Amino acid sequence: MTDPVVRTFRPEPNDYVWTFGGAPPMARVEPGTVLELFTEDCFAGRVRGVDDLVSEVCDFPYVNPQTGPFWVEGAEPGDTLAVHFVSMRPARDWAVSTTVPLFGALTSTHLTATLQDPLPEVVWIWQLDRDAGTARFEARFGDFHVDLPMSPMHGTVGVAPANLEVRSSLVPDAHGGNLDTPEMRAGVTCYLGVNVEGALLSIGDGHARQGEGETCGVAAECAMDTVLIVDLIKATPCPWPRIESDTHLMSTGSTRPLEDAFRIAQTDLVQWLAAERGLHVLDAYQLVSQAVEAPLANVVDTNYTSLAKIDKRYLPGGDAMGGMHARMVETARRFRG
């Protein structure tokens, strides 16, 4: 068995893209390629200290830069792109979080309009010990600090949308995008339905860690060195982004209101199990109803994102997506040597 092809990309500042769709490919890659990528943080590296306010150092809408897009040879509408994350490591020894006026789950926004004053902008710098795997929270208004375990993830993974749409990199939807789920971590395989020739995969928005919901709207944002494998499942649709780990199958749904995002994720998981595990849709519905977990991804983005997650131990025998996850795990093992 031959070793996988490995390609490395470290974009220059002018190489980043800010949308899904509407941007030419950075490179063309063959299915099975290992990509070693650098991604900048959501503020393009401009917030480096507590005095760097987003409103002063960032130029909206140029936030959430993406590395890509990558044209995957042979990808056509109706296929599914498989992205397996081999490793994620913060590229710097710090991460940043902040409150943003009129943004977040616990404040007034332009969609939830009230007469309350916006929250002030406050920046927190998280010190990362990459060897120990910890991220230090330090209070801005007291002398408290605590070390939390790092749990690196990518907030944004997606392909070009359908129907000639161009979507901001801040938006999650059926194409993927800014899903902001802590489940998008090393060891998982993300499945994305292909909408245009070449798929046009992009990733970004690294987080050293994030709680479910991303309540204040900003995680512990960091630049990331990420290794992933990209592959292709022909003639297999994937209506919403799906995630497979060694132990679980997960479906995502993104929209507003939050209960409709929940419904999308739950419906997609039921239909996925019915299609691939030989269950009648009503049996799948009953099994999901009693065994599902429903972690929140974000309740702050343009669309909210909910997950539906089920343990593989409870499912009839068989492999999801033709066994792609297991094959990509084996490719990752050979890559690591």
C-alpha atoms as a PDB file:
ATOM      1  CA  MET A   1       0.000   0.000   0.000  1.00  0.00           C
ATOM      2  CA  THR A   2       1.519   3.322  -1.077  1.00  0.00           C
ATOM      3  CA  ASP A   3       2.015   6.221   1.314  1.00  0.00           C
ATOM      4  CA  PRO A   4      -0.484   9.080   0.937  1.00  0.00           C
ATOM      5  CA  VAL A   5       0.442  12.224  -0.954  1.00  0.00           C
ATOM      6  CA  VAL A   6       1.179  15.075   1.476  1.00  0.00           C
ATOM      7  CA  ARG A   7       0.788  18.754   0.585  1.00  0.00           C
ATOM      8  CA  THR A   8       1.511  21.727   2.837  1.00  0.00           C
ATOM      9  CA  PHE A   9      -0.130  25.159   2.665  1.00  0.00           C
ATOM     10  CA  ARG A  10       0.681  28.190   4.816  1.00  0.00           C
ATOM     11  CA  PRO A  11      -1.270  31.111   3.338  1.00  0.00           C
ATOM     12  CA  GLU A  12       0.059  34.642   3.110  1.00  0.00           C
ATOM     13  CA  PRO A  13      -2.248  37.374   4.492  1.00  0.00           C
ATOM     14  CA  ASN A  14      -3.679  38.109   1.042  1.00  0.00           C
ATOM     15  CA  ASP A  15      -4.411  34.418   0.381  1.00  0.00           C
ATOM     16  CA  TYR A  16      -7.276  34.009   2.850  1.00  0.00           C
ATOM     17  CA  VAL A  17     -10.893  33.940   1.722  1.00  0.00           C
ATOM     18  CA  TRP A  18     -13.898  35.273   3.608  1.00  0.00           C
ATOM     19  CA  THR A  19     -16.749  33.389   1.961  1.00  0.00           C
ATOM     20  CA  PHE A  20     -17.846  29.926   0.926  1.00  0.00           C
ATOM     21  CA  GLY A  21     -18.407  30.087  -2.810  1.00  0.00           C
ATOM     22  CA  GLY A  22     -17.299  32.959  -5.005  1.00  0.00           C
ATOM     23  CA  ALA A  23     -13.543  32.405  -4.558  1.00  0.00           C
ATOM     24  CA  PRO A  24     -11.107  30.642  -6.918  1.00  0.00           C
ATOM     25  CA  PRO A  25      -9.355  27.538  -5.622  1.00  0.00           C
ATOM     26  CA  MET A  26      -6.045  27.871  -3.823  1.00  0.00           C
ATOM     27  CA  ALA A  27      -5.014  24.466  -5.185  1.00  0.00           C
ATOM     28  CA  ARG A  28      -6.317  21.295  -6.765  1.00  0.00           C
ATOM     29  CA  VAL A  29      -5.888  18.066  -4.814  1.00  0.00           C
ATOM     30  CA  GLU A  30      -6.590  14.412  -5.465  1.00  0.00           C
ATOM     31  CA  PRO A  31      -8.846  12.360  -3.179  1.00  0.00           C
ATOM     32  CA  GLY A  32      -6.758  10.686  -0.510  1.00  0.00           C
ATOM     33  CA  THR A  33      -4.373  13.639  -0.147  1.00  0.00           C
ATOM     34  CA  VAL A  34      -3.076  14.626   3.287  1.00  0.00           C
ATOM     35  CA  LEU A  35      -3.176  18.404   3.777  1.00  0.00           C
ATOM     36  CA  GLU A  36      -0.947  20.118   6.325  1.00  0.00           C
ATOM     37  CA  LEU A  37      -2.569  23.514   6.855  1.00  0.00           C
ATOM     38  CA  PHE A  38      -2.106  26.700   8.831  1.00  0.00           C
ATOM     39  CA  THR A  39      -5.272  28.605   9.658  1.00  0.00           C
ATOM     40  CA  GLU A  40      -5.374  32.094  11.141  1.00  0.00           C
ATOM     41  CA  ASP A  41      -7.645  32.937  14.050  1.00  0.00           C
ATOM     42  CA  CYS A  42     -11.032  34.542  13.491  1.00  0.00           C
ATOM     43  CA  PHE A  43      -9.584  38.028  14.007  1.00  0.00           C
ATOM     44  CA  ALA A  44      -6.823  37.431  11.418  1.00  0.00           C
ATOM     45  CA  GLY A  45      -4.244  37.641  14.208  1.00  0.00           C
ATOM     46  CA  ARG A  46      -4.996  41.291  14.903  1.00  0.00           C
ATOM     47  CA  VAL A  47      -6.180  40.925  18.513  1.00  0.00           C
ATOM     48  CA  ARG A  48      -2.998  40.209  20.487  1.00  0.00           C
ATOM     49  CA  GLY A  49      -3.504  42.013  23.777  1.00  0.00           C
ATOM     50  CA  VAL A  50      -6.236  43.237  26.093  1.00  0.00           C
ATOM     51  CA  ASP A  51      -6.109  46.720  24.538  1.00  0.00           C
ATOM     52  CA  ASP A  52      -6.756  45.440  20.982  1.00  0.00           C
ATOM     53  CA  LEU A  53     -10.501  45.961  20.675  1.00  0.00           C
ATOM     54  CA  VAL A  54     -12.152  44.183  17.750  1.00  0.00           C
ATOM     55  CA  SER A  55     -14.008  47.356  16.745  1.00  0.00           C
ATOM     56  CA  GLU A  56     -10.674  49.152  16.370  1.00  0.00           C
ATOM     57  CA  VAL A  57      -8.302  46.580  14.880  1.00  0.00           C
ATOM     58  CA  CYS A  58     -10.643  44.518  12.665  1.00  0.00           C
ATOM     59  CA  ASP A  59     -12.423  45.597   9.494  1.00  0.00           C
ATOM     60  CA  PHE A  60     -15.849  43.951   9.380  1.00  0.00           C
ATOM     61  CA  PRO A  61     -16.851  41.887   7.403  1.00  0.00           C
ATOM     62  CA  TYR A  62     -13.239  40.724   7.009  1.00  0.00           C
ATOM     63  CA  VAL A  63     -13.265  38.394   9.988  1.00  0.00           C
ATOM     64  CA  ASN A  64     -13.108  34.598  10.146  1.00  0.00           C
ATOM     65  CA  PRO A  65     -10.497  34.068   7.400  1.00  0.00           C
ATOM     66  CA  GLN A  66     -10.507  30.669   5.704  1.00  0.00           C
ATOM     67  CA  THR A  67      -7.649  28.584   4.328  1.00  0.00           C
ATOM     68  CA  GLY A  68      -8.660  27.350   0.884  1.00  0.00           C
ATOM     69  CA  PRO A  69     -10.679  26.686  -1.066  1.00  0.00           C
ATOM     70  CA  PHE A  70      -9.320  23.366  -2.303  1.00  0.00           C
ATOM     71  CA  TRP A  71     -10.650  21.890  -5.539  1.00  0.00           C
ATOM     72  CA  VAL A  72     -10.993  18.120  -5.043  1.00  0.00           C
ATOM     73  CA  GLU A  73     -10.521  16.313  -8.318  1.00  0.00           C
ATOM     74  CA  GLY A  74     -13.551  14.298  -9.405  1.00  0.00           C
ATOM     75  CA  ALA A  75     -15.977  15.887  -6.935  1.00  0.00           C
ATOM     76  CA  GLU A  76     -19.413  16.505  -8.473  1.00  0.00           C
ATOM     77  CA  PRO A  77     -22.836  17.496  -7.160  1.00  0.00           C
ATOM     78  CA  GLY A  78     -24.434  14.447  -5.561  1.00  0.00           C
ATOM     79  CA  ASP A  79     -21.128  13.192  -4.099  1.00  0.00           C
ATOM     80  CA  THR A  80     -19.992  13.486  -0.497  1.00  0.00           C
ATOM     81  CA  LEU A  81     -16.667  14.972   0.559  1.00  0.00           C
ATOM     82  CA  ALA A  82     -15.038  13.257   3.538  1.00  0.00           C
ATOM     83  CA  VAL A  83     -12.629  15.288   5.687  1.00  0.00           C
ATOM     84  CA  HIS A  84     -10.738  13.375   8.376  1.00  0.00           C
ATOM     85  CA  PHE A  85      -8.903  15.432  10.991  1.00  0.00           C
ATOM     86  CA  VAL A  86      -5.610  13.761  11.879  1.00  0.00           C
ATOM     87  CA  SER A  87      -4.351  16.412  14.292  1.00  0.00           C
ATOM     88  CA  MET A  88      -4.983  19.968  15.481  1.00  0.00           C
ATOM     89  CA  ARG A  89      -2.420  21.980  17.462  1.00  0.00           C
ATOM     90  CA  PRO A  90      -2.620  25.661  18.362  1.00  0.00           C
ATOM     91  CA  ALA A  91       0.044  27.490  16.360  1.00  0.00           C
ATOM     92  CA  ARG A  92       0.765  30.046  19.104  1.00  0.00           C
ATOM     93  CA  ASP A  93       1.028  29.961  22.880  1.00  0.00           C
ATOM     94  CA  TRP A  94      -2.009  32.187  23.334  1.00  0.00           C
ATOM     95  CA  ALA A  95      -5.651  32.427  22.350  1.00  0.00           C
ATOM     96  CA  VAL A  96      -8.063  35.331  22.577  1.00  0.00           C
ATOM     97  CA  SER A  97     -11.690  35.831  23.511  1.00  0.00           C
ATOM     98  CA  THR A  98     -13.806  38.948  23.815  1.00  0.00           C
ATOM     99  CA  THR A  99     -17.233  40.367  24.281  1.00  0.00           C
ATOM    100  CA  VAL A 100     -18.572  42.108  21.179  1.00  0.00           C
ATOM    101  CA  PRO A 101     -21.321  44.739  21.426  1.00  0.00           C
ATOM    102  CA  LEU A 102     -24.662  43.513  20.055  1.00  0.00           C
ATOM    103  CA  PHE A 103     -23.355  39.960  19.665  1.00  0.00           C
ATOM    104  CA  GLY A 104     -23.732  36.877  21.849  1.00  0.00           C
ATOM    105  CA  ALA A 105     -26.432  34.801  23.478  1.00  0.00           C
ATOM    106  CA  LEU A 106     -26.880  36.820  26.678  1.00  0.00           C
ATOM    107  CA  THR A 107     -27.068  40.356  25.332  1.00  0.00           C
ATOM    108  CA  SER A 108     -29.157  42.462  23.021  1.00  0.00           C
ATOM    109  CA  THR A 109     -28.467  41.902  19.326  1.00  0.00           C
ATOM    110  CA  HIS A 110     -29.766  43.459  16.129  1.00  0.00           C
ATOM    111  CA  LEU A 111     -32.185  40.505  15.869  1.00  0.00           C
ATOM    112  CA  THR A 112     -33.172  40.559  19.542  1.00  0.00           C
ATOM    113  CA  ALA A 113     -33.542  44.299  19.829  1.00  0.00           C
ATOM    114  CA  THR A 114     -34.017  45.938  23.240  1.00  0.00           C
ATOM    115  CA  LEU A 115     -33.324  49.333  24.786  1.00  0.00           C
ATOM    116  CA  GLN A 116     -30.455  47.947  26.861  1.00  0.00           C
ATOM    117  CA  ASP A 117     -27.017  49.410  26.266  1.00  0.00           C
ATOM    118  CA  PRO A 118     -24.635  47.047  24.448  1.00  0.00           C
ATOM    119  CA  LEU A 119     -22.134  45.138  26.562  1.00  0.00           C
ATOM    120  CA  PRO A 120     -18.683  46.734  26.677  1.00  0.00           C
ATOM    121  CA  GLU A 121     -15.818  45.305  24.667  1.00  0.00           C
ATOM    122  CA  VAL A 122     -13.521  43.359  26.967  1.00  0.00           C
ATOM    123  CA  VAL A 123     -10.642  41.167  25.742  1.00  0.00           C
ATOM    124  CA  TRP A 124      -9.300  38.105  27.539  1.00  0.00           C
ATOM    125  CA  ILE A 125      -5.960  36.568  26.555  1.00  0.00           C
ATOM    126  CA  TRP A 126      -5.754  32.846  27.266  1.00  0.00           C
ATOM    127  CA  GLN A 127      -2.245  31.492  27.826  1.00  0.00           C
ATOM    128  CA  LEU A 128      -1.818  28.072  26.226  1.00  0.00           C
ATOM    129  CA  ASP A 129       0.572  25.430  27.509  1.00  0.00           C
ATOM    130  CA  ARG A 130       0.712  23.275  24.420  1.00  0.00           C
ATOM    131  CA  ASP A 131       2.877  20.605  26.045  1.00  0.00           C
ATOM    132  CA  ALA A 132       0.659  20.277  29.117  1.00  0.00           C
ATOM    133  CA  GLY A 133      -2.502  20.702  27.026  1.00  0.00           C
ATOM    134  CA  THR A 134      -3.991  23.457  29.167  1.00  0.00           C
ATOM    135  CA  ALA A 135      -5.555  26.874  28.562  1.00  0.00           C
ATOM    136  CA  ARG A 136      -5.435  29.428  31.389  1.00  0.00           C
ATOM    137  CA  PHE A 137      -8.399  31.674  32.130  1.00  0.00           C
ATOM    138  CA  GLU A 138      -7.398  34.854  33.966  1.00  0.00           C
ATOM    139  CA  ALA A 139     -10.135  37.124  35.305  1.00  0.00           C
ATOM    140  CA  ARG A 140     -10.042  40.716  34.059  1.00  0.00           C
ATOM    141  CA  PHE A 141     -11.870  42.070  37.112  1.00  0.00           C
ATOM    142  CA  GLY A 142     -10.243  40.082  39.908  1.00  0.00           C
ATOM    143  CA  ASP A 143      -7.255  37.874  40.733  1.00  0.00           C
ATOM    144  CA  PHE A 144      -8.825  34.499  39.907  1.00  0.00           C
ATOM    145  CA  HIS A 145      -7.305  32.109  37.380  1.00  0.00           C
ATOM    146  CA  VAL A 146      -7.878  28.472  36.453  1.00  0.00           C
ATOM    147  CA  ASP A 147      -6.332  26.054  33.962  1.00  0.00           C
ATOM    148  CA  LEU A 148      -8.807  24.277  31.686  1.00  0.00           C
ATOM    149  CA  PRO A 149      -7.907  21.358  29.413  1.00  0.00           C
ATOM    150  CA  MET A 150      -7.337  22.356  25.816  1.00  0.00           C
ATOM    151  CA  SER A 151      -9.712  20.732  23.345  1.00  0.00           C
ATOM    152  CA  PRO A 152      -8.659  22.035  19.912  1.00  0.00           C
ATOM    153  CA  MET A 153     -11.387  22.204  17.272  1.00  0.00           C
ATOM    154  CA  HIS A 154     -12.263  23.978  14.039  1.00  0.00           C
ATOM    155  CA  GLY A 155     -15.306  26.223  14.165  1.00  0.00           C
ATOM    156  CA  THR A 156     -15.509  26.469  10.386  1.00  0.00           C
ATOM    157  CA  VAL A 157     -15.393  23.621   7.852  1.00  0.00           C
ATOM    158  CA  GLY A 158     -17.353  23.748   4.614  1.00  0.00           C
ATOM    159  CA  VAL A 159     -17.718  23.606   0.858  1.00  0.00           C
ATOM    160  CA  ALA A 160     -19.225  25.965  -1.701  1.00  0.00           C
ATOM    161  CA  PRO A 161     -23.019  26.240  -1.335  1.00  0.00           C
ATOM    162  CA  ALA A 162     -25.528  25.188  -3.970  1.00  0.00           C
ATOM    163  CA  ASN A 163     -27.435  27.387  -6.419  1.00  0.00           C
ATOM    164  CA  LEU A 164     -24.580  29.843  -7.098  1.00  0.00           C
ATOM    165  CA  GLU A 165     -24.815  31.178  -3.546  1.00  0.00           C
ATOM    166  CA  VAL A 166     -21.904  32.925  -1.834  1.00  0.00           C
ATOM    167  CA  ARG A 167     -22.117  32.746   1.959  1.00  0.00           C
ATOM    168  CA  SER A 168     -20.155  34.669   4.572  1.00  0.00           C
ATOM    169  CA  SER A 169     -17.661  32.590   6.537  1.00  0.00           C
ATOM    170  CA  LEU A 170     -19.671  33.570   9.630  1.00  0.00           C
ATOM    171  CA  VAL A 171     -22.725  31.564   8.478  1.00  0.00           C
ATOM    172  CA  PRO A 172     -23.430  27.858   9.112  1.00  0.00           C
ATOM    173  CA  ASP A 173     -25.871  26.048   6.826  1.00  0.00           C
ATOM    174  CA  ALA A 174     -26.213  22.901   4.727  1.00  0.00           C
ATOM    175  CA  HIS A 175     -22.820  23.572   3.109  1.00  0.00           C
ATOM    176  CA  GLY A 176     -21.109  23.476   6.514  1.00  0.00           C
ATOM    177  CA  GLY A 177     -19.429  26.782   7.275  1.00  0.00           C
ATOM    178  CA  ASN A 178     -19.318  28.293  10.750  1.00  0.00           C
ATOM    179  CA  LEU A 179     -20.838  25.346  12.619  1.00  0.00           C
ATOM    180  CA  ASP A 180     -18.877  26.056  15.825  1.00  0.00           C
ATOM    181  CA  THR A 181     -19.294  22.569  17.258  1.00  0.00           C
ATOM    182  CA  PRO A 182     -16.717  21.221  19.754  1.00  0.00           C
ATOM    183  CA  GLU A 183     -17.226  17.848  18.052  1.00  0.00           C
ATOM    184  CA  MET A 184     -15.105  19.020  15.074  1.00  0.00           C
ATOM    185  CA  ARG A 185     -11.904  17.764  16.680  1.00  0.00           C
ATOM    186  CA  ALA A 186      -8.975  15.509  15.809  1.00  0.00           C
ATOM    187  CA  GLY A 187      -9.966  11.924  15.098  1.00  0.00           C
ATOM    188  CA  VAL A 188     -13.357  12.626  13.538  1.00  0.00           C
ATOM    189  CA  THR A 189     -14.478  12.487   9.924  1.00  0.00           C
ATOM    190  CA  CYS A 190     -16.746  15.246   8.640  1.00  0.00           C
ATOM    191  CA  TYR A 191     -19.036  14.500   5.686  1.00  0.00           C
ATOM    192  CA  LEU A 192     -20.137  17.374   3.444  1.00  0.00           C
ATOM    193  CA  GLY A 193     -22.476  17.168   0.475  1.00  0.00           C
ATOM    194  CA  VAL A 194     -20.843  18.380  -2.752  1.00  0.00           C
ATOM    195  CA  ASN A 195     -22.782  21.196  -4.438  1.00  0.00           C
ATOM    196  CA  VAL A 196     -20.418  22.339  -7.191  1.00  0.00           C
ATOM    197  CA  GLU A 197     -17.722  20.731  -9.298  1.00  0.00           C
ATOM    198  CA  GLY A 198     -14.547  20.404  -7.236  1.00  0.00           C
ATOM    199  CA  ALA A 199     -16.449  20.874  -3.925  1.00  0.00           C
ATOM    200  CA  LEU A 200     -14.201  23.843  -2.941  1.00  0.00           C
ATOM    201  CA  LEU A 201     -13.306  22.923   0.639  1.00  0.00           C
ATOM    202  CA  SER A 202     -12.185  25.600   3.103  1.00  0.00           C
ATOM    203  CA  ILE A 203     -11.440  25.514   6.835  1.00  0.00           C
ATOM    204  CA  GLY A 204     -10.599  28.021   9.565  1.00  0.00           C
ATOM    205  CA  ASP A 205     -11.708  29.460  12.900  1.00  0.00           C
ATOM    206  CA  GLY A 206      -9.500  27.394  15.198  1.00  0.00           C
ATOM    207  CA  HIS A 207     -10.502  27.227  18.860  1.00  0.00           C
ATOM    208  CA  ALA A 208      -8.228  26.104  21.681  1.00  0.00           C
ATOM    209  CA  ARG A 209     -11.463  25.208  23.437  1.00  0.00           C
ATOM    210  CA  GLN A 210     -15.136  26.173  23.406  1.00  0.00           C
ATOM    211  CA  GLY A 211     -18.108  25.390  25.589  1.00  0.00           C
ATOM    212  CA  GLU A 212     -21.308  24.115  23.993  1.00  0.00           C
ATOM    213  CA  GLY A 213     -23.330  27.034  22.681  1.00  0.00           C
ATOM    214  CA  GLU A 214     -20.342  29.435  22.419  1.00  0.00           C
ATOM    215  CA  THR A 215     -22.424  31.618  24.731  1.00  0.00           C
ATOM    216  CA  CYS A 216     -20.595  34.952  24.522  1.00  0.00           C
ATOM    217  CA  GLY A 217     -20.148  34.459  20.772  1.00  0.00           C
ATOM    218  CA  VAL A 218     -16.365  34.060  20.892  1.00  0.00           C
ATOM    219  CA  ALA A 219     -14.410  30.924  21.831  1.00  0.00           C
ATOM    220  CA  ALA A 220     -10.754  30.779  22.888  1.00  0.00           C
ATOM    221  CA  GLU A 221      -9.768  31.750  19.351  1.00  0.00           C
ATOM    222  CA  CYS A 222      -6.379  30.681  18.039  1.00  0.00           C
ATOM    223  CA  ALA A 223      -4.327  30.097  14.940  1.00  0.00           C
ATOM    224  CA  MET A 224      -4.065  26.375  14.218  1.00  0.00           C
ATOM    225  CA  ASP A 225      -1.707  23.895  12.606  1.00  0.00           C
ATOM    226  CA  THR A 226      -3.985  21.175  11.296  1.00  0.00           C
ATOM    227  CA  VAL A 227      -3.413  17.944   9.417  1.00  0.00           C
ATOM    228  CA  LEU A 228      -6.384  16.490   7.553  1.00  0.00           C
ATOM    229  CA  ILE A 229      -7.134  13.946   4.872  1.00  0.00           C
ATOM    230  CA  VAL A 230      -9.637  14.685   2.119  1.00  0.00           C
ATOM    231  CA  ASP A 231     -11.448  11.943   0.204  1.00  0.00           C
ATOM    232  CA  LEU A 232     -14.531  11.451  -1.899  1.00  0.00           C
ATOM    233  CA  ILE A 233     -17.600   9.209  -1.746  1.00  0.00           C
ATOM    234  CA  LYS A 234     -19.115   9.062  -5.219  1.00  0.00           C
ATOM    235  CA  ALA A 235     -22.847   9.132  -5.912  1.00  0.00           C
ATOM    236  CA  THR A 236     -23.725   9.410  -2.228  1.00  0.00           C
ATOM    237  CA  PRO A 237     -25.600  12.524  -1.135  1.00  0.00           C
ATOM    238  CA  CYS A 238     -25.225  14.164   2.269  1.00  0.00           C
ATOM    239  CA  PRO A 239     -27.994  16.725   2.839  1.00  0.00           C
ATOM    240  CA  TRP A 240     -26.504  18.215   6.025  1.00  0.00           C
ATOM    241  CA  PRO A 241     -22.995  18.093   7.485  1.00  0.00           C
ATOM    242  CA  ARG A 242     -22.423  14.862   9.358  1.00  0.00           C
ATOM    243  CA  ILE A 243     -19.639  13.794  11.713  1.00  0.00           C
ATOM    244  CA  GLU A 244     -18.387  10.319  12.549  1.00  0.00           C
ATOM    245  CA  SER A 245     -16.046   9.450  15.397  1.00  0.00           C
ATOM    246  CA  ASP A 246     -14.822   6.030  16.466  1.00  0.00           C
ATOM    247  CA  THR A 247     -17.803   5.794  18.805  1.00  0.00           C
ATOM    248  CA  HIS A 248     -20.621   8.033  17.494  1.00  0.00           C
ATOM    249  CA  LEU A 249     -22.572   9.195  14.468  1.00  0.00           C
ATOM    250  CA  MET A 250     -23.643  12.854  14.460  1.00  0.00           C
ATOM    251  CA  SER A 251     -25.882  15.003  12.282  1.00  0.00           C
ATOM    252  CA  THR A 252     -26.017  18.785  12.314  1.00  0.00           C
ATOM    253  CA  GLY A 253     -28.781  21.275  11.622  1.00  0.00           C
ATOM    254  CA  SER A 254     -28.331  25.034  11.229  1.00  0.00           C
ATOM    255  CA  THR A 255     -31.067  27.657  11.060  1.00  0.00           C
ATOM    256  CA  ARG A 256     -33.152  29.943  13.265  1.00  0.00           C
ATOM    257  CA  PRO A 257     -35.055  29.456  15.508  1.00  0.00           C
ATOM    258  CA  LEU A 258     -33.048  26.993  17.568  1.00  0.00           C
ATOM    259  CA  GLU A 259     -35.861  24.430  17.726  1.00  0.00           C
ATOM    260  CA  ASP A 260     -35.825  24.158  13.936  1.00  0.00           C
ATOM    261  CA  ALA A 261     -32.055  23.573  13.982  1.00  0.00           C
ATOM    262  CA  PHE A 262     -32.770  20.808  16.515  1.00  0.00           C
ATOM    263  CA  ARG A 263     -35.435  19.330  14.226  1.00  0.00           C
ATOM    264  CA  ILE A 264     -33.113  19.347  11.199  1.00  0.00           C
ATOM    265  CA  ALA A 265     -30.358  17.504  13.068  1.00  0.00           C
ATOM    266  CA  GLN A 266     -32.705  14.936  14.587  1.00  0.00           C
ATOM    267  CA  THR A 267     -34.498  14.325  11.268  1.00  0.00           C
ATOM    268  CA  ASP A 268     -31.221  13.901   9.399  1.00  0.00           C
ATOM    269  CA  LEU A 269     -29.960  11.367  11.937  1.00  0.00           C
ATOM    270  CA  VAL A 270     -33.206   9.379  11.728  1.00  0.00           C
ATOM    271  CA  GLN A 271     -33.033   9.358   7.930  1.00  0.00           C
ATOM    272  CA  TRP A 272     -29.331   8.458   7.967  1.00  0.00           C
ATOM    273  CA  LEU A 273     -29.970   5.419  10.171  1.00  0.00           C
ATOM    274  CA  ALA A 274     -32.973   4.361   8.102  1.00  0.00           C
ATOM    275  CA  ALA A 275     -31.012   4.598   4.856  1.00  0.00           C
ATOM    276  CA  GLU A 276     -27.805   2.870   5.980  1.00  0.00           C
ATOM    277  CA  ARG A 277     -28.726   0.551   8.856  1.00  0.00           C
ATOM    278  CA  GLY A 278     -31.830  -1.098   7.444  1.00  0.00           C
ATOM    279  CA  LEU A 279     -34.224   0.357   9.990  1.00  0.00           C
ATOM    280  CA  HIS A 280     -37.739   1.424   9.132  1.00  0.00           C
ATOM    281  CA  VAL A 281     -37.912   5.183   9.533  1.00  0.00           C
ATOM    282  CA  LEU A 282     -40.351   4.877  12.461  1.00  0.00           C
ATOM    283  CA  ASP A 283     -38.075   2.374  14.203  1.00  0.00           C
ATOM    284  CA  ALA A 284     -35.153   4.745  13.639  1.00  0.00           C
ATOM    285  CA  TYR A 285     -37.269   7.583  15.028  1.00  0.00           C
ATOM    286  CA  GLN A 286     -38.071   5.589  18.172  1.00  0.00           C
ATOM    287  CA  LEU A 287     -34.433   4.505  18.687  1.00  0.00           C
ATOM    288  CA  VAL A 288     -33.124   8.033  18.210  1.00  0.00           C
ATOM    289  CA  SER A 289     -35.784   9.404  20.544  1.00  0.00           C
ATOM    290  CA  GLN A 290     -34.548   7.209  23.395  1.00  0.00           C
ATOM    291  CA  ALA A 291     -30.788   7.102  22.713  1.00  0.00           C
ATOM    292  CA  VAL A 292     -29.855  10.452  21.186  1.00  0.00           C
ATOM    293  CA  GLU A 293     -27.679  13.142  22.720  1.00  0.00           C
ATOM    294  CA  ALA A 294     -28.323  16.711  21.586  1.00  0.00           C
ATOM    295  CA  PRO A 295     -25.308  18.946  22.275  1.00  0.00           C
ATOM    296  CA  LEU A 296     -25.521  22.552  21.190  1.00  0.00           C
ATOM    297  CA  ALA A 297     -22.915  23.922  18.837  1.00  0.00           C
ATOM    298  CA  ASN A 298     -23.677  27.653  18.733  1.00  0.00           C
ATOM    299  CA  VAL A 299     -26.606  29.895  19.633  1.00  0.00           C
ATOM    300  CA  VAL A 300     -24.927  33.084  18.441  1.00  0.00           C
ATOM    301  CA  ASP A 301     -24.168  32.815  14.726  1.00  0.00           C
ATOM    302  CA  THR A 302     -26.314  34.058  11.866  1.00  0.00           C
ATOM    303  CA  ASN A 303     -27.860  30.588  12.037  1.00  0.00           C
ATOM    304  CA  TYR A 304     -27.848  28.482  15.204  1.00  0.00           C
ATOM    305  CA  THR A 305     -26.431  24.938  15.070  1.00  0.00           C
ATOM    306  CA  SER A 306     -27.662  21.855  16.923  1.00  0.00           C
ATOM    307  CA  LEU A 307     -26.290  18.303  16.839  1.00  0.00           C
ATOM    308  CA  ALA A 308     -27.941  14.914  17.085  1.00  0.00           C
ATOM    309  CA  LYS A 309     -25.472  12.300  18.336  1.00  0.00           C
ATOM    310  CA  ILE A 310     -25.893   8.548  18.838  1.00  0.00           C
ATOM    311  CA  ASP A 311     -23.549   5.863  20.137  1.00  0.00           C
ATOM    312  CA  LYS A 312     -22.695   3.228  17.522  1.00  0.00           C
ATOM    313  CA  ARG A 313     -23.052   0.482  20.144  1.00  0.00           C
ATOM    314  CA  TYR A 314     -26.819   0.887  19.983  1.00  0.00           C
ATOM    315  CA  LEU A 315     -27.070   0.495  16.208  1.00  0.00           C
ATOM    316  CA  PRO A 316     -27.525  -2.484  13.901  1.00  0.00           C
ATOM    317  CA  GLY A 317     -24.319  -3.731  12.334  1.00  0.00           C
ATOM    318  CA  GLY A 318     -22.826  -2.005   9.332  1.00  0.00           C
ATOM    319  CA  ASP A 319     -20.595   0.902   8.406  1.00  0.00           C
ATOM    320  CA  ALA A 320     -21.577   4.494   7.787  1.00  0.00           C
ATOM    321  CA  MET A 321     -20.713   6.037   4.431  1.00  0.00           C
ATOM    322  CA  GLY A 322     -19.332   2.755   3.110  1.00  0.00           C
ATOM    323  CA  GLY A 323     -16.735   2.463   5.884  1.00  0.00           C
ATOM    324  CA  MET A 324     -14.957   5.699   4.907  1.00  0.00           C
ATOM    325  CA  HIS A 325     -14.125   6.681   8.502  1.00  0.00           C
ATOM    326  CA  ALA A 326     -12.265   3.432   9.194  1.00  0.00           C
ATOM    327  CA  ARG A 327     -10.300   3.739   5.940  1.00  0.00           C
ATOM    328  CA  MET A 328      -9.308   7.301   6.740  1.00  0.00           C
ATOM    329  CA  VAL A 329      -8.232   6.308  10.254  1.00  0.00           C
ATOM    330  CA  GLU A 330      -5.953   3.712   8.652  1.00  0.00           C
ATOM    331  CA  THR A 331      -4.565   6.318   6.232  1.00  0.00           C
ATOM    332  CA  ALA A 332      -3.872   8.603   9.202  1.00  0.00           C
ATOM    333  CA  ARG A 333      -2.051   5.754  10.954  1.00  0.00           C
ATOM    334  CA  ARG A 334       0.175   5.191   7.906  1.00  0.00           C
ATOM    335  CA  PHE A 335       0.832   8.931   7.612  1.00  0.00           C
ATOM    336  CA  ARG A 336       1.961   9.146  11.239  1.00  0.00           C
ATOM    337  CA  GLY A 337       4.173   6.083  10.696  1.00  0.00           C
END
